[in-house]
Amino acid sequence: MKIFFNHAKVYIFRGLLAIIPLFLSISAIKLIYEILDKRVVNLIDHYTGFRMPGLGILLVLIVLYFIGLLTSNVLGHRFFGIIEKVSKRIPFIKTIYQVGKQLSSTFSLPEKQLFQRVVLAKFREGAWTIGFVTGTLEDKRNNASEKLLKVFVPTVPNPTSGFVFLLKESEVLDPGWSVEEGIRAVISAGIIGPETIERIKNK
């Protein structure tokens, strides 16, 4: 009987893990429907008497499409350039606009430009943390120029925040993981991700 309960407990837990992504996806769709689509549909129905579920989401996608077209031509660049100049004259709005612009520029980059590779950076003696190399810079303080790595170490459970360390190549280790494997390990707090370290060596 004990073996049966242990067996059932393991597979019930695995079943729970399997439905979590599906549950989150359904919850996100429901949230979008309740906040956006339902209100837009009710508004259109109030004024025109026409009702079609999904119309609100469709309208938002169409608006985003035309905004994308607008920003891709000369007139669009000029229009948003004027908005940027105006926003820079308003202290509080300036800060928010600049942060939003930086985030937009960051997410518009391909993943291979965001994170070049995964490394292990020493957290303390005997402990290592997962980091992502985002670029390099030259340290010219000494007579001989030395290359430093810009390593982003995300926090858990909010991987969009973290710390940026400047480390020598000799101060990091290469676990042989892909960027995707490293991201999965961070987002899942280590539950999902590589189960082995293929190689540990200095580049």
Protein backbone atom coordinates (compact mmCIF):
# COMPACT_ATOMS: atom_id res chain seq x y z
CA MET A 1 0.00 0.00 0.00
CA LYS A 2 2.83 2.38 0.86
CA ILE A 3 4.45 1.70 -2.50
CA PHE A 4 1.14 2.50 -4.25
CA PHE A 5 0.78 5.83 -2.44
CA ASN A 6 4.39 6.79 -3.19
CA HIS A 7 3.86 5.86 -6.84
CA ALA A 8 0.60 7.86 -6.99
CA LYS A 9 2.19 10.86 -5.26
CA VAL A 10 5.02 11.01 -7.79
CA TYR A 11 2.74 10.88 -10.83
CA ILE A 12 0.14 13.24 -9.37
CA PHE A 13 2.93 15.77 -8.85
CA ARG A 14 4.16 15.23 -12.42
CA GLY A 15 0.61 15.70 -13.68
CA LEU A 16 0.38 18.95 -11.75
CA LEU A 17 3.60 20.19 -13.33
CA ALA A 18 2.30 19.21 -16.77
CA ILE A 19 -0.91 21.28 -16.46
CA ILE A 20 0.71 24.39 -14.95
CA PRO A 21 1.78 25.85 -18.36
CA LEU A 22 -1.70 25.13 -19.77
CA PHE A 23 -3.35 26.74 -16.73
CA LEU A 24 -1.18 29.85 -17.03
CA SER A 25 -1.92 30.15 -20.76
CA ILE A 26 -5.67 29.86 -20.19
CA SER A 27 -5.49 32.39 -17.34
CA ALA A 28 -3.60 34.87 -19.56
CA ILE A 29 -6.17 34.51 -22.35
CA LYS A 30 -9.02 34.92 -19.88
CA LEU A 31 -7.39 38.02 -18.39
CA ILE A 32 -6.97 39.61 -21.83
CA TYR A 33 -10.58 38.78 -22.65
CA GLU A 34 -11.97 40.22 -19.39
CA ILE A 35 -9.86 43.39 -19.37
CA LEU A 36 -9.69 44.22 -23.06
CA ASP A 37 -12.02 42.32 -25.35
CA LYS A 38 -15.13 42.26 -23.18
CA ARG A 39 -15.02 46.02 -22.55
CA VAL A 40 -14.47 46.90 -26.20
CA VAL A 41 -17.23 44.54 -27.34
CA ASN A 42 -19.65 45.99 -24.77
CA LEU A 43 -18.75 49.52 -25.87
CA ILE A 44 -19.35 48.76 -29.56
CA ASP A 45 -22.54 46.89 -28.71
CA HIS A 46 -23.80 49.90 -26.73
CA TYR A 47 -23.41 52.33 -29.66
CA THR A 48 -23.99 50.10 -32.70
CA GLY A 49 -25.86 47.05 -31.46
CA PHE A 50 -23.20 44.87 -33.13
CA ARG A 51 -21.58 42.23 -30.93
CA MET A 52 -18.76 39.86 -31.88
CA PRO A 53 -16.54 38.18 -29.25
CA GLY A 54 -12.86 38.63 -30.04
CA LEU A 55 -13.40 41.94 -31.83
CA GLY A 56 -11.55 43.91 -29.12
CA ILE A 57 -8.40 41.81 -29.44
CA LEU A 58 -8.64 42.00 -33.24
CA LEU A 59 -8.90 45.81 -33.12
CA VAL A 60 -5.84 46.06 -30.84
CA LEU A 61 -3.82 43.85 -33.22
CA ILE A 62 -4.89 46.02 -36.17
CA VAL A 63 -3.92 49.21 -34.30
CA LEU A 64 -0.53 47.74 -33.36
CA TYR A 65 0.00 46.71 -36.99
CA PHE A 66 -0.61 50.24 -38.27
CA ILE A 67 1.60 51.72 -35.52
CA GLY A 68 4.33 49.32 -36.66
CA LEU A 69 3.89 50.53 -40.25
CA LEU A 70 3.95 54.14 -39.07
CA THR A 71 7.22 53.73 -37.16
CA SER A 72 8.82 52.07 -40.19
CA ASN A 73 8.62 55.10 -42.48
CA VAL A 74 10.03 58.63 -42.48
CA LEU A 75 6.83 60.34 -41.30
CA GLY A 76 6.56 57.91 -38.41
CA HIS A 77 10.15 58.56 -37.33
CA ARG A 78 9.50 62.30 -37.40
CA PHE A 79 6.24 61.94 -35.46
CA PHE A 80 7.80 59.86 -32.69
CA GLY A 81 10.85 62.13 -32.76
CA ILE A 82 8.57 65.07 -31.93
CA ILE A 83 6.96 63.07 -29.10
CA GLU A 84 10.43 62.25 -27.72
CA LYS A 85 11.50 65.91 -27.81
CA VAL A 86 8.33 66.99 -26.01
CA SER A 87 8.69 64.25 -23.39
CA LYS A 88 12.28 65.36 -22.64
CA ARG A 89 10.98 68.75 -21.54
CA ILE A 90 8.74 67.22 -18.83
CA PRO A 91 10.88 65.89 -15.93
CA PHE A 92 8.71 62.99 -14.70
CA ILE A 93 7.49 61.98 -18.18
CA LYS A 94 11.07 62.15 -19.45
CA THR A 95 12.22 59.47 -17.00
CA ILE A 96 9.32 57.12 -17.79
CA TYR A 97 9.71 57.60 -21.55
CA GLN A 98 13.45 56.93 -21.49
CA VAL A 99 13.03 53.75 -19.44
CA GLY A 100 10.32 52.54 -21.80
CA LYS A 101 12.47 53.33 -24.83
CA GLN A 102 15.44 51.42 -23.37
CA LEU A 103 13.25 48.40 -22.65
CA SER A 104 11.78 48.54 -26.14
CA SER A 105 15.24 48.74 -27.70
CA THR A 106 16.45 45.83 -25.56
CA PHE A 107 13.57 43.51 -26.42
CA SER A 108 13.84 44.36 -30.12
CA LEU A 109 17.29 42.79 -30.22
CA PRO A 110 17.60 39.14 -31.23
CA GLU A 111 18.28 36.72 -28.38
CA LYS A 112 21.77 36.00 -29.71
CA GLN A 113 22.63 39.68 -29.26
CA LEU A 114 21.03 39.91 -25.82
CA PHE A 115 22.86 36.93 -24.33
CA GLN A 116 25.98 35.68 -26.06
CA ARG A 117 26.56 32.64 -23.85
CA VAL A 118 26.00 31.15 -20.41
CA VAL A 119 28.73 31.20 -17.78
CA LEU A 120 29.09 30.28 -14.14
CA ALA A 121 30.30 33.17 -11.98
CA LYS A 122 31.65 32.61 -8.48
CA PHE A 123 29.08 33.75 -5.89
CA ARG A 124 31.30 32.94 -2.95
CA GLU A 125 33.86 30.26 -2.12
CA GLY A 126 32.44 26.93 -3.26
CA ALA A 127 29.24 28.45 -4.70
CA TRP A 128 28.53 29.44 -8.32
CA THR A 129 25.68 31.33 -9.95
CA ILE A 130 24.32 31.34 -13.50
CA GLY A 131 25.16 34.41 -15.56
CA PHE A 132 24.80 35.55 -19.16
CA VAL A 133 27.51 37.32 -21.11
CA THR A 134 26.01 40.43 -22.74
CA GLY A 135 29.21 41.96 -24.11
CA THR A 136 32.82 42.92 -23.47
CA LEU A 137 34.82 46.04 -22.71
CA GLU A 138 38.47 47.01 -22.55
CA ASP A 139 40.14 47.67 -19.21
CA LYS A 140 42.91 50.19 -20.01
CA ARG A 141 43.88 51.07 -16.46
CA ASN A 142 47.04 49.05 -16.70
CA ASN A 143 49.73 49.36 -19.34
CA ALA A 144 48.47 46.18 -20.98
CA SER A 145 44.85 46.35 -22.15
CA GLU A 146 42.65 43.55 -20.79
CA LYS A 147 39.22 42.37 -21.93
CA LEU A 148 36.45 42.17 -19.34
CA LEU A 149 33.15 40.37 -19.71
CA LYS A 150 29.85 42.07 -18.94
CA VAL A 151 27.95 39.33 -17.10
CA PHE A 152 24.27 39.73 -16.25
CA VAL A 153 23.25 37.67 -13.20
CA PRO A 154 19.43 37.56 -12.95
CA THR A 155 17.50 37.28 -9.71
CA VAL A 156 14.89 34.61 -8.94
CA PRO A 157 11.91 34.56 -9.23
CA ASN A 158 12.08 37.87 -11.20
CA PRO A 159 14.72 37.26 -13.89
CA THR A 160 14.12 40.66 -15.52
CA SER A 161 16.09 42.26 -12.68
CA GLY A 162 19.57 41.40 -11.50
CA PHE A 163 23.16 42.56 -11.36
CA VAL A 164 25.82 43.28 -13.96
CA PHE A 165 29.37 42.22 -13.08
CA LEU A 166 32.58 43.01 -14.92
CA LEU A 167 34.67 39.84 -14.78
CA LYS A 168 37.84 38.55 -16.34
CA GLU A 169 37.58 35.57 -18.65
CA SER A 170 39.57 33.58 -16.11
CA GLU A 171 36.97 34.37 -13.40
CA VAL A 172 34.11 32.55 -15.11
CA LEU A 173 33.53 28.93 -16.05
CA ASP A 174 31.84 27.50 -19.12
CA PRO A 175 29.19 24.82 -18.25
CA GLY A 176 28.52 23.98 -21.89
CA TRP A 177 24.86 25.06 -21.75
CA SER A 178 22.91 26.86 -24.43
CA VAL A 179 21.38 30.27 -23.68
CA GLU A 180 17.91 28.70 -23.77
CA GLU A 181 18.91 26.06 -21.21
CA GLY A 182 20.32 28.74 -18.93
CA ILE A 183 17.14 30.85 -19.16
CA ARG A 184 14.94 27.86 -18.37
CA ALA A 185 17.06 27.04 -15.32
CA VAL A 186 16.78 30.60 -13.98
CA ILE A 187 13.06 31.08 -14.63
CA SER A 188 12.15 27.74 -13.04
CA ALA A 189 14.44 28.35 -10.03
CA GLY A 190 16.53 25.38 -11.08
CA ILE A 191 13.62 22.93 -11.41
CA ILE A 192 13.86 22.80 -15.21
CA GLY A 193 17.12 22.94 -17.10
CA PRO A 194 20.35 21.04 -17.69
CA GLU A 195 20.91 18.02 -15.50
CA THR A 196 24.58 17.72 -16.29
CA ILE A 197 27.57 19.98 -16.76
CA GLU A 198 29.13 18.93 -20.04
CA ARG A 199 32.39 20.73 -19.46
CA ILE A 200 33.94 23.09 -16.96
CA LYS A 201 36.84 25.03 -18.33
CA ASN A 202 38.07 28.54 -18.74
CA LYS A 203 37.67 29.95 -22.21
